[in-house]
C-alpha cells in the first residue's frame, strides 16, 4: 500500500487522478478486502488529501465482480468514508465464477468519458486472489489491453502468487454440519500463457500449491503492458491446501521470467522451437484436465476400501492400470528423449529447466508405479491389521497411498538411480529456482509406496437435521 501511495503521488504531480478499485467478490477475498479498507484512510492521509482544498486531486470509484459486475459508488468521490463504505459493500458471490477480464474492460469503459472530460489520469487497482475464468481471459485479455492503452489507464494488481505450472489451487473447507473436509478448487495460475509443467504428480492430477515466484499470466501482462505493477499479497493463506511460502531471489529468477507476450505470439513460437513443441505434447499427453477420456487410465486410485474383499477388487483393477500406465509413461519419456538434442540448442533457461525437471519426473513416476503395483500385491498377500475404531469416536474409512523411502522391487532401482541423478542435475543447473525446489521435493518424497489407515470422527458425513437445512458446498 505504501508503494501504491507513492505511485499515486507521482501521478498527481502531473495532474488530477481517477482511481478505480476493482474487487473480486469471491468469499476467499473477504480478509484482504477488510485489511485494504482499513488502510485506505492511511493512503489518503499520506497523500495529504484529507483537506477540502486538495481533495479533488484524487477521485475514487469502487466496483466489484464475480459472475456479474456491480458499481458501489454512484459517481467518483473524494470522500474517504464513502470510499470505505463502498468497499465494505462488496458482496460475496456464491457462483464461484470470476469474470476478471470482462470486469476490468467494463470498468475502464464505464469511467473513460469521465476521466477524459475532467482531464484526469486513469489508474485501476485490481484486487483478486484468483486468475479468473479461463475462457473469459482468452477472449478478453487483449481487448482489455487495447481499451486500457486507448484510455491511458495504468493497471496495478494486488494478487496472489501463481501456482508453479498449474492452473489450480485448492482451499480446505470443513462443512459446519457434516464436518466433511472439502478441497474447493480456485483458479490461481499458471504464471505463463500455457502450462509448462506436468499436470500430474505421478499418481493423479496435481493438488499442490507449489509457488512459482510470479503472479498469474493475465494479471502480470495487464500490469506490464500498461506501465503498472503486480503486487503479490504477502500473507500465507491458512486454508490453502499444501500451501507454502518460498522466497526466490530476484536476480536468480530474472533469466527465468515467464513469456508475457500475447498468447497468439507464444503459440506461434511453439512451432519455431522444437523443444517447446515436444514438451507441450508431453504435458498434454499426461494431462487429466485436458484429456478427461484418459483420466481413468492415467489417474491411479489413492484411497482403498477398509473392507478387504472390496480392497482386493480395487487393487486388481489398479494393478492392471499401473501396467498400462507404465507403458504410457515410457512412451512419453521416449518422445522427450528424442528431443534431447534440442535441449542443447535451446537458449532460454526457462525451457531448459522445464525439460530437465519433466524428464526427471517421468523417470521417477515409473519407479513409483513399479512400487505401487508391488505395494498392492504385498498388502493382498499380507494385509495390514488395524483396529476398525479408535477412541474416543474414530472409525477407519479407507487406506491411503503414501510414498516412503524404502522400496520393494528390483525393477524400480534403475529408474530410481536415473531419476535421482536427473533431479540432482536439475538442482545444480537451476539453483534457487522453483525447478530446483521442485526437484528437491521429488527427491525427498522417496520412491517407495505404502498404505496408511485414515480415521475420521464418527460424526463426519452425518447430518441429523438439528442445525437446519444442509448447507451447500460453497464455490470460491
Protein backbone atom coordinates (compact mmCIF):
# COMPACT_ATOMS: atom_id res chain seq x y z
CA UNK A 1 0.00 0.00 0.00
CA UNK A 2 2.91 2.35 0.65
CA UNK A 3 4.22 1.73 -2.86
CA UNK A 4 0.78 2.33 -4.34
CA UNK A 5 0.62 5.59 -2.39
CA UNK A 6 3.96 6.61 -3.89
CA UNK A 7 2.79 5.70 -7.38
CA UNK A 8 -0.32 7.85 -6.92
CA UNK A 9 1.77 10.76 -5.67
CA UNK A 10 3.92 10.61 -8.79
CA UNK A 11 0.78 10.58 -10.90
CA UNK A 12 -0.72 13.56 -9.07
CA UNK A 13 2.46 15.57 -9.61
CA UNK A 14 1.36 15.59 -13.26
CA UNK A 15 -2.30 16.35 -12.64
CA UNK A 16 -5.58 15.04 -11.16
CA UNK A 17 -6.21 11.30 -10.99
CA UNK A 18 -9.22 8.98 -11.16
CA UNK A 19 -8.61 5.83 -9.11
CA UNK A 20 -10.81 2.78 -9.76
CA UNK A 21 -10.80 -0.06 -7.23
CA UNK A 22 -11.93 -3.35 -8.82
CA UNK A 23 -12.64 -6.03 -6.19
CA UNK A 24 -13.13 -9.75 -6.62
CA UNK A 25 -16.38 -10.84 -4.92
CA UNK A 26 -15.21 -14.35 -4.03
CA UNK A 27 -15.55 -15.43 -0.40
CA UNK A 28 -11.84 -16.08 -0.10
CA UNK A 29 -11.20 -12.34 -0.60
CA UNK A 30 -13.06 -11.09 2.49
CA UNK A 31 -10.00 -10.85 4.74
CA UNK A 32 -7.99 -8.99 2.09
CA UNK A 33 -10.86 -6.56 1.48
CA UNK A 34 -11.12 -5.79 5.19
CA UNK A 35 -7.41 -5.09 5.50
CA UNK A 36 -7.42 -2.85 2.43
CA UNK A 37 -10.46 -0.97 3.70
CA UNK A 38 -8.63 -0.30 6.97
CA UNK A 39 -5.62 1.03 5.08
CA UNK A 40 -7.48 3.26 2.62
CA UNK A 41 -7.75 6.11 5.09
CA UNK A 42 -3.99 5.91 5.71
CA UNK A 43 -3.37 6.19 1.97
CA UNK A 44 -5.38 9.39 1.77
CA UNK A 45 -3.68 10.80 4.86
CA UNK A 46 -0.25 10.04 3.37
CA UNK A 47 -1.31 11.70 0.15
CA UNK A 48 -2.33 14.81 2.09
CA UNK A 49 -5.78 14.73 0.50
CA UNK A 50 -7.99 14.77 3.58
CA UNK A 51 -8.38 18.54 3.47
CA UNK A 52 -11.10 20.04 1.29
CA UNK A 53 -8.66 22.28 -0.57
CA UNK A 54 -6.80 19.41 -2.26
CA UNK A 55 -9.33 16.59 -2.18
CA UNK A 56 -10.31 16.97 -5.84
CA UNK A 57 -6.82 15.97 -6.96
CA UNK A 58 -7.89 12.36 -6.47
CA UNK A 59 -11.38 10.95 -7.01
CA UNK A 60 -12.18 7.32 -6.46
CA UNK A 61 -14.67 4.78 -7.78
CA UNK A 62 -15.30 1.30 -6.35
CA UNK A 63 -16.63 -1.61 -8.43
CA UNK A 64 -16.66 -5.37 -7.92
CA UNK A 65 -17.12 -8.50 -9.96
CA UNK A 66 -17.95 -12.16 -9.79
CA UNK A 67 -20.32 -13.72 -12.25
CA UNK A 68 -21.71 -10.20 -12.68
CA UNK A 69 -20.49 -6.64 -12.22
CA UNK A 70 -21.50 -4.02 -9.61
CA UNK A 71 -20.75 -0.32 -9.15
CA UNK A 72 -20.62 0.73 -5.47
CA UNK A 73 -20.03 4.47 -5.92
CA UNK A 74 -22.78 6.27 -7.88
CA UNK A 75 -20.13 8.69 -9.10
CA UNK A 76 -16.39 9.08 -8.44
CA UNK A 77 -15.88 10.58 -5.00
CA UNK A 78 -13.15 12.09 -2.84
CA UNK A 79 -14.93 11.35 0.47
CA UNK A 80 -12.87 8.75 2.37
CA UNK A 81 -15.81 7.49 4.44
CA UNK A 82 -17.85 6.96 1.29
CA UNK A 83 -14.98 5.01 -0.26
CA UNK A 84 -14.60 2.80 2.79
CA UNK A 85 -18.36 2.16 2.90
CA UNK A 86 -18.31 1.25 -0.78
CA UNK A 87 -15.53 -1.30 -0.22
CA UNK A 88 -17.45 -2.75 2.74
CA UNK A 89 -20.49 -3.16 0.48
CA UNK A 90 -18.70 -5.56 -1.86
CA UNK A 91 -20.86 -8.71 -1.69
CA UNK A 92 -19.87 -12.37 -1.72
CA UNK A 93 -20.80 -14.04 -4.99
CA UNK A 94 -21.86 -17.67 -4.39
CA UNK A 95 -21.45 -18.65 -8.05
CA UNK A 96 -17.70 -19.19 -7.75
CA UNK A 97 -17.17 -17.54 -11.13
CA UNK A 98 -14.88 -14.53 -11.65
CA UNK A 99 -15.08 -12.78 -14.99
CA UNK A 100 -11.98 -10.75 -14.27
CA UNK A 101 -11.04 -9.50 -17.74
CA UNK A 102 -14.64 -8.60 -18.57
CA UNK A 103 -14.86 -6.63 -15.31
CA UNK A 104 -11.66 -4.67 -15.97
CA UNK A 105 -12.82 -3.96 -19.52
CA UNK A 106 -16.19 -2.71 -18.24
CA UNK A 107 -14.62 -0.57 -15.51
CA UNK A 108 -12.36 1.23 -17.96
CA UNK A 109 -15.16 1.76 -20.49
CA UNK A 110 -17.54 2.96 -17.76
CA UNK A 111 -15.14 5.65 -16.49
CA UNK A 112 -13.37 6.63 -19.67
CA UNK A 113 -15.64 9.59 -20.54
CA UNK A 114 -15.47 10.96 -17.00
CA UNK A 115 -11.68 10.78 -16.97
CA UNK A 116 -11.47 12.50 -20.34
CA UNK A 117 -13.96 15.26 -19.53
CA UNK A 118 -12.30 16.04 -16.19
CA UNK A 119 -8.77 15.75 -17.64
CA UNK A 120 -7.86 13.02 -15.17
CA UNK A 121 -5.28 10.30 -15.45
CA UNK A 122 -6.92 6.91 -15.00
CA UNK A 123 -5.49 4.38 -12.53
CA UNK A 124 -7.13 1.00 -11.93
CA UNK A 125 -6.25 -1.27 -8.99
CA UNK A 126 -7.43 -4.86 -9.40
CA UNK A 127 -7.75 -6.77 -6.12
CA UNK A 128 -8.19 -10.53 -6.54
CA UNK A 129 -6.84 -13.84 -5.27
CA UNK A 130 -7.69 -15.75 -8.45
CA UNK A 131 -6.70 -15.62 -12.10
CA UNK A 132 -10.29 -15.57 -13.35
CA UNK A 133 -12.37 -17.67 -15.72
CA UNK A 134 -10.08 -19.13 -18.36
CA UNK A 135 -12.40 -18.65 -21.32
CA UNK A 136 -13.01 -15.02 -20.34
CA UNK A 137 -9.26 -14.48 -20.08
CA UNK A 138 -8.58 -15.96 -23.51
CA UNK A 139 -11.33 -13.95 -25.16
CA UNK A 140 -10.90 -10.60 -23.45
CA UNK A 141 -7.32 -10.10 -22.23
CA UNK A 142 -6.12 -8.42 -25.41
CA UNK A 143 -9.33 -6.35 -25.56
CA UNK A 144 -8.57 -5.14 -22.03
CA UNK A 145 -5.09 -4.05 -23.07
CA UNK A 146 -6.37 -2.24 -26.15
CA UNK A 147 -9.02 -0.40 -24.12
CA UNK A 148 -6.56 0.45 -21.32
CA UNK A 149 -4.00 1.83 -23.74
CA UNK A 150 -6.64 3.84 -25.57
CA UNK A 151 -7.81 5.31 -22.25
CA UNK A 152 -4.21 5.70 -21.00
CA UNK A 153 -5.17 3.68 -17.94
CA UNK A 154 -2.42 2.26 -15.73
CA UNK A 155 -3.35 -1.07 -14.15
CA UNK A 156 -1.98 -2.21 -10.79
CA UNK A 157 -2.80 -5.61 -9.34
CA UNK A 158 -2.94 -6.81 -5.75
CA UNK A 159 -2.97 -10.55 -6.28
CA UNK A 160 -1.70 -13.95 -5.24
CA UNK A 161 1.32 -15.88 -6.41
CA UNK A 162 0.58 -18.27 -9.25
CA UNK A 163 0.96 -22.00 -8.72
CA UNK A 164 4.05 -23.31 -10.48
CA UNK A 165 2.96 -24.51 -13.92
CA UNK A 166 -0.56 -25.40 -12.77
CA UNK A 167 -3.86 -23.52 -13.22
CA UNK A 168 -5.50 -24.58 -9.96
CA UNK A 169 -5.14 -24.36 -6.21
CA UNK A 170 -7.40 -25.79 -3.52
CA UNK A 171 -8.83 -24.31 -0.33
CA UNK A 172 -9.63 -26.57 2.61
CA UNK A 173 -13.20 -26.14 3.84
CA UNK A 174 -14.91 -28.07 6.63
CA UNK A 175 -18.65 -28.42 6.36
CA UNK A 176 -20.10 -26.89 9.54
CA UNK A 177 -22.83 -29.55 9.80
CA UNK A 178 -21.38 -32.81 8.49
CA UNK A 179 -17.75 -31.92 9.36
CA UNK A 180 -16.68 -33.35 6.00
CA UNK A 181 -13.48 -31.86 4.59
CA UNK A 182 -13.73 -30.47 1.05
CA UNK A 183 -10.96 -29.20 -1.21
CA UNK A 184 -12.55 -26.32 -3.10
CA UNK A 185 -10.84 -25.50 -6.42
CA UNK A 186 -9.83 -21.96 -7.33
CA UNK A 187 -8.08 -20.62 -10.43
CA UNK A 188 -4.65 -19.50 -9.30
CA UNK A 189 -2.41 -19.65 -12.33
CA UNK A 190 -0.39 -20.54 -14.16
CA UNK A 191 2.31 -17.89 -14.46
CA UNK A 192 2.56 -18.50 -18.20
CA UNK A 193 0.22 -18.24 -21.17
CA UNK A 194 0.04 -22.04 -21.33
CA UNK A 195 1.04 -24.60 -18.70
CA UNK A 196 4.70 -25.60 -18.90
CA UNK A 197 4.77 -28.33 -16.23
CA UNK A 198 3.25 -31.77 -15.86
CA UNK A 199 -0.31 -31.69 -14.55
CA UNK A 200 0.08 -34.98 -12.66
CA UNK A 201 2.02 -35.92 -9.53
CA UNK A 202 2.60 -39.42 -10.88
CA UNK A 203 -0.48 -40.95 -9.27
CA UNK A 204 -3.22 -38.49 -10.17
CA UNK A 205 -3.81 -34.84 -11.08
CA UNK A 206 -1.87 -32.34 -9.04
CA UNK A 207 -3.34 -30.90 -5.84
CA UNK A 208 -0.38 -28.82 -4.73
CA UNK A 209 0.06 -25.08 -4.41
CA UNK A 210 3.79 -25.02 -5.17
CA UNK A 211 4.82 -21.35 -5.55
CA UNK A 212 6.07 -20.14 -8.93
CA UNK A 213 7.70 -16.87 -7.86
CA UNK A 214 5.47 -14.91 -10.27
CA UNK A 215 1.89 -13.72 -10.50
CA UNK A 216 -0.75 -15.19 -12.84
CA UNK A 217 -0.06 -14.55 -16.52
CA UNK A 218 -3.11 -12.37 -17.26
CA UNK A 219 -2.57 -10.06 -14.30
CA UNK A 220 1.15 -9.65 -14.89
CA UNK A 221 0.58 -8.97 -18.57
CA UNK A 222 -2.06 -6.31 -17.79
CA UNK A 223 0.28 -4.56 -15.38
CA UNK A 224 3.34 -4.74 -17.60
CA UNK A 225 1.62 -3.59 -20.79
CA UNK A 226 0.03 -0.55 -19.11
CA UNK A 227 3.03 0.59 -17.07
CA UNK A 228 1.66 -0.73 -13.77
CA UNK A 229 2.93 -3.22 -11.21
CA UNK A 230 1.79 -6.62 -9.97
CA UNK A 231 1.93 -6.63 -6.15
CA UNK A 232 1.98 -10.07 -4.56
CA UNK A 233 -0.19 -10.31 -1.44
CA UNK A 234 2.31 -11.47 1.20
CA UNK A 235 0.28 -13.44 3.74
CA UNK A 236 0.17 -17.24 3.71
CA UNK A 237 -3.41 -18.42 3.36
CA UNK A 238 -4.16 -20.75 6.24
CA UNK A 239 -6.78 -22.74 4.28
CA UNK A 240 -4.67 -23.23 1.15
CA UNK A 241 -4.12 -26.96 0.60
CA UNK A 242 -0.39 -27.72 0.67
CA UNK A 243 0.35 -24.02 0.64
CA UNK A 244 3.82 -22.78 1.45
CA UNK A 245 5.91 -19.67 1.14
CA UNK A 246 9.20 -19.75 -0.71
CA UNK A 247 11.37 -16.73 -1.32
CA UNK A 248 13.22 -16.72 -4.62
CA UNK A 249 15.99 -14.19 -5.24
CA UNK A 250 15.09 -11.62 -7.86
CA UNK A 251 18.42 -11.73 -9.68
CA UNK A 252 18.38 -15.53 -9.79
CA UNK A 253 14.85 -15.58 -11.20
CA UNK A 254 15.35 -12.86 -13.79
CA UNK A 255 16.54 -15.23 -16.59
CA UNK A 256 13.56 -17.50 -15.84
CA UNK A 257 10.87 -14.85 -16.29
CA UNK A 258 7.67 -16.05 -17.97
CA UNK A 259 7.00 -15.01 -21.54
CA UNK A 260 4.32 -12.32 -21.16
CA UNK A 261 3.68 -11.76 -24.83
CA UNK A 262 0.20 -12.29 -26.26
CA UNK A 263 -0.99 -15.90 -26.32
CA UNK A 264 -1.05 -15.91 -30.10
CA UNK A 265 2.62 -14.93 -30.30
CA UNK A 266 3.61 -17.56 -27.73
CA UNK A 267 1.64 -20.22 -29.59
CA UNK A 268 3.20 -19.21 -32.91
CA UNK A 269 6.67 -19.67 -31.47
CA UNK A 270 5.88 -23.22 -30.42
CA UNK A 271 6.40 -24.39 -33.99
CA UNK A 272 9.65 -22.42 -34.30
CA UNK A 273 11.25 -24.00 -31.24
CA UNK A 274 11.17 -27.83 -31.47
CA UNK A 275 11.96 -28.40 -27.78
CA UNK A 276 8.91 -26.42 -26.70
CA UNK A 277 6.68 -28.39 -29.05
CA UNK A 278 7.95 -31.67 -27.61
CA UNK A 279 7.46 -30.52 -24.01
CA UNK A 280 3.96 -29.22 -24.66
CA UNK A 281 2.99 -32.52 -26.29
CA UNK A 282 4.33 -34.49 -23.31
CA UNK A 283 2.36 -32.30 -20.91
CA UNK A 284 -0.81 -32.69 -22.97
CA UNK A 285 -0.44 -36.45 -23.22
CA UNK A 286 -0.42 -36.73 -19.41
CA UNK A 287 -2.96 -34.02 -18.57
CA UNK A 288 -6.12 -35.43 -16.93
CA UNK A 289 -7.71 -31.96 -17.05
CA UNK A 290 -7.35 -31.58 -20.82
CA UNK A 291 -7.88 -35.25 -21.64
CA UNK A 292 -10.78 -36.45 -19.49
CA UNK A 293 -11.19 -39.50 -21.75
CA UNK A 294 -7.80 -40.70 -20.48
CA UNK A 295 -8.15 -39.67 -16.83
CA UNK A 296 -9.40 -43.12 -15.85
CA UNK A 297 -6.22 -44.64 -17.29
CA UNK A 298 -3.60 -42.18 -16.08
CA UNK A 299 -5.01 -41.46 -12.62
CA UNK A 300 -4.38 -44.16 -10.04
CA UNK A 301 -6.61 -44.83 -7.06
CA UNK A 302 -5.11 -43.38 -3.86
CA UNK A 303 -7.89 -44.35 -1.40
CA UNK A 304 -8.82 -48.01 -0.89
CA UNK A 305 -11.71 -49.62 0.92
CA UNK A 306 -11.22 -50.81 4.51
CA UNK A 307 -13.29 -53.88 3.59
CA UNK A 308 -10.75 -56.44 2.43
CA UNK A 309 -12.92 -58.04 -0.27
CA UNK A 310 -13.52 -54.66 -1.86
CA UNK A 311 -9.83 -53.76 -1.40
CA UNK A 312 -8.94 -56.88 -3.44
CA UNK A 313 -11.26 -55.89 -6.29
CA UNK A 314 -9.93 -52.33 -6.31
CA UNK A 315 -6.30 -53.46 -6.09
CA UNK A 316 -6.54 -55.88 -9.02
CA UNK A 317 -8.02 -53.16 -11.22
CA UNK A 318 -5.32 -50.71 -10.21
CA UNK A 319 -2.53 -53.20 -10.83
CA UNK A 320 -3.70 -53.62 -14.42
CA UNK A 321 -3.98 -49.86 -14.82
CA UNK A 322 -0.48 -49.42 -13.38
CA UNK A 323 0.99 -51.77 -16.01
CA UNK A 324 -0.66 -49.82 -18.82
CA UNK A 325 0.36 -46.52 -17.24
CA UNK A 326 3.97 -47.67 -17.05
CA UNK A 327 3.97 -48.28 -20.79
CA UNK A 328 2.34 -44.89 -21.36
CA UNK A 329 4.94 -43.10 -19.24
CA UNK A 330 7.71 -44.92 -21.08
CA UNK A 331 6.35 -43.73 -24.45
CA UNK A 332 6.19 -40.12 -23.25
CA UNK A 333 9.72 -40.40 -21.85
CA UNK A 334 10.99 -41.73 -25.18
CA UNK A 335 9.35 -38.85 -27.04
CA UNK A 336 11.10 -36.39 -24.72
CA UNK A 337 14.44 -38.15 -25.13
CA UNK A 338 14.15 -37.89 -28.88
CA UNK A 339 14.16 -34.13 -28.43
CA UNK A 340 17.26 -34.16 -26.21
CA UNK A 341 19.43 -32.58 -28.91
CA UNK A 342 17.01 -29.64 -28.98
CA UNK A 343 17.74 -29.16 -25.27
CA UNK A 344 21.32 -28.30 -26.21
CA UNK A 345 20.12 -25.77 -28.79
CA UNK A 346 17.55 -24.06 -26.55
CA UNK A 347 18.86 -20.69 -25.33
CA UNK A 348 16.06 -19.84 -22.87
CA UNK A 349 16.94 -21.01 -19.31
CA UNK A 350 13.25 -21.40 -18.51
CA UNK A 351 12.72 -24.00 -21.22
CA UNK A 352 15.97 -25.74 -20.35
CA UNK A 353 14.70 -26.04 -16.79
CA UNK A 354 11.28 -27.25 -17.97
CA UNK A 355 12.92 -30.04 -19.92
CA UNK A 356 15.26 -31.05 -17.09
CA UNK A 357 12.54 -31.28 -14.44
CA UNK A 358 9.91 -33.00 -16.58
CA UNK A 359 12.42 -35.58 -17.81
CA UNK A 360 13.38 -36.42 -14.22
CA UNK A 361 9.72 -36.65 -13.17
CA UNK A 362 8.82 -39.03 -15.98
CA UNK A 363 11.52 -41.43 -14.89
CA UNK A 364 10.63 -41.06 -11.19
CA UNK A 365 6.94 -41.70 -11.80
CA UNK A 366 7.76 -45.00 -13.48
CA UNK A 367 9.72 -46.06 -10.40
CA UNK A 368 6.74 -45.22 -8.22
CA UNK A 369 4.38 -47.16 -10.50
CA UNK A 370 6.51 -50.28 -10.08
CA UNK A 371 6.40 -49.73 -6.33
CA UNK A 372 2.67 -49.02 -6.39
CA UNK A 373 1.88 -52.35 -8.00
CA UNK A 374 4.26 -54.16 -5.64
CA UNK A 375 2.78 -52.45 -2.57
CA UNK A 376 -0.71 -53.53 -3.62
CA UNK A 377 0.46 -57.12 -4.06
CA UNK A 378 2.22 -57.09 -0.69
CA UNK A 379 -0.95 -55.88 1.01
CA UNK A 380 -3.02 -58.54 -0.74
CA UNK A 381 -0.63 -61.28 0.35
CA UNK A 382 -0.27 -59.99 3.89
CA UNK A 383 -2.98 -57.49 4.81
CA UNK A 384 -2.24 -54.95 7.48
CA UNK A 385 -4.31 -55.42 10.59
CA UNK A 386 -5.50 -52.27 12.33
CA UNK A 387 -8.48 -51.58 14.61
CA UNK A 388 -11.69 -50.50 12.85
CA UNK A 389 -12.28 -47.90 15.55
CA UNK A 390 -10.19 -45.85 17.93
CA UNK A 391 -11.22 -43.89 21.00
CA UNK A 392 -12.89 -41.64 21.56
CA UNK A 393 -15.01 -41.83 18.36
CA UNK A 394 -12.73 -42.55 15.39
CA UNK A 395 -13.58 -45.05 12.64
CA UNK A 396 -11.48 -46.43 9.79
CA UNK A 397 -12.73 -45.02 6.49
CA UNK A 398 -10.05 -46.03 3.97
CA UNK A 399 -6.42 -46.87 3.29
CA UNK A 400 -4.37 -44.02 1.83
CA UNK A 401 -1.49 -44.40 -0.60
CA UNK A 402 1.65 -42.74 0.72
CA UNK A 403 5.24 -42.52 -0.50
CA UNK A 404 8.28 -43.52 1.51
CA UNK A 405 12.00 -44.13 1.12
CA UNK A 406 12.16 -47.96 1.42
CA UNK A 407 11.33 -49.79 -1.81
CA UNK A 408 10.11 -53.31 -2.58
CA UNK A 409 11.18 -54.20 -6.14
CA UNK A 410 14.41 -54.67 -8.05
CA UNK A 411 12.72 -53.38 -11.22
CA UNK A 412 12.37 -49.89 -9.81
CA UNK A 413 16.03 -49.45 -8.83
CA UNK A 414 17.33 -48.48 -12.28
CA UNK A 415 14.59 -45.86 -12.56
CA UNK A 416 15.36 -44.59 -9.05
CA UNK A 417 19.06 -44.21 -9.80
CA UNK A 418 18.39 -42.38 -13.06
CA UNK A 419 15.69 -40.13 -11.61
CA UNK A 420 17.81 -39.24 -8.60
CA UNK A 421 20.70 -38.21 -10.84
CA UNK A 422 18.37 -36.18 -13.05
CA UNK A 423 16.78 -34.39 -10.09
CA UNK A 424 20.21 -33.51 -8.69
CA UNK A 425 21.29 -32.24 -12.10
CA UNK A 426 18.20 -30.03 -12.20
CA UNK A 427 19.10 -28.64 -8.78
CA UNK A 428 22.68 -27.99 -9.89
CA UNK A 429 21.72 -26.39 -13.22
CA UNK A 430 18.95 -24.15 -11.84
CA UNK A 431 19.78 -23.35 -8.19
CA UNK A 432 17.47 -21.04 -6.28
CA UNK A 433 14.56 -21.53 -8.69
CA UNK A 434 11.19 -23.33 -8.47
CA UNK A 435 12.60 -26.06 -10.73
CA UNK A 436 15.38 -26.84 -8.25
CA UNK A 437 12.96 -26.61 -5.31
CA UNK A 438 10.51 -28.94 -7.01
CA UNK A 439 13.29 -31.42 -7.81
CA UNK A 440 14.33 -31.38 -4.15
CA UNK A 441 10.74 -32.09 -3.08
CA UNK A 442 10.50 -35.01 -5.50
CA UNK A 443 13.72 -36.50 -4.13
CA UNK A 444 12.51 -36.04 -0.57
CA UNK A 445 9.22 -37.80 -1.35
CA UNK A 446 11.02 -41.08 -1.82
CA UNK A 447 10.17 -43.74 -4.38
CA UNK A 448 8.61 -46.47 -2.27
CA UNK A 449 4.86 -46.84 -1.77
CA UNK A 450 2.90 -47.91 1.29
CA UNK A 451 -0.62 -47.77 2.74
CA UNK A 452 -1.64 -45.94 5.89
CA UNK A 453 -5.04 -46.09 7.57
CA UNK A 454 -7.17 -42.95 7.78
CA UNK A 455 -9.64 -42.47 10.60
CA UNK A 456 -12.49 -39.99 10.80
CA UNK A 457 -14.60 -38.89 13.69
CA UNK A 458 -17.87 -40.77 13.69
CA UNK A 459 -19.88 -37.57 13.27
CA UNK A 460 -18.25 -36.75 9.92
CA UNK A 461 -20.55 -37.15 6.94
CA UNK A 462 -23.67 -37.20 9.10
CA UNK A 463 -26.36 -34.56 9.46
CA UNK A 464 -29.13 -35.06 11.96
CA UNK A 465 -31.17 -32.08 10.82
CA UNK A 466 -30.93 -30.32 14.18
CA UNK A 467 -28.90 -27.47 12.67
CA UNK A 468 -31.36 -26.82 9.88
CA UNK A 469 -31.23 -27.44 6.15
CA UNK A 470 -27.95 -28.91 4.91
CA UNK A 471 -25.70 -26.07 3.80
CA UNK A 472 -24.47 -26.36 0.18
CA UNK A 473 -20.74 -26.62 -0.54
CA UNK A 474 -19.54 -23.12 -1.47
CA UNK A 475 -17.86 -22.18 -4.71
CA UNK A 476 -14.86 -19.88 -4.37
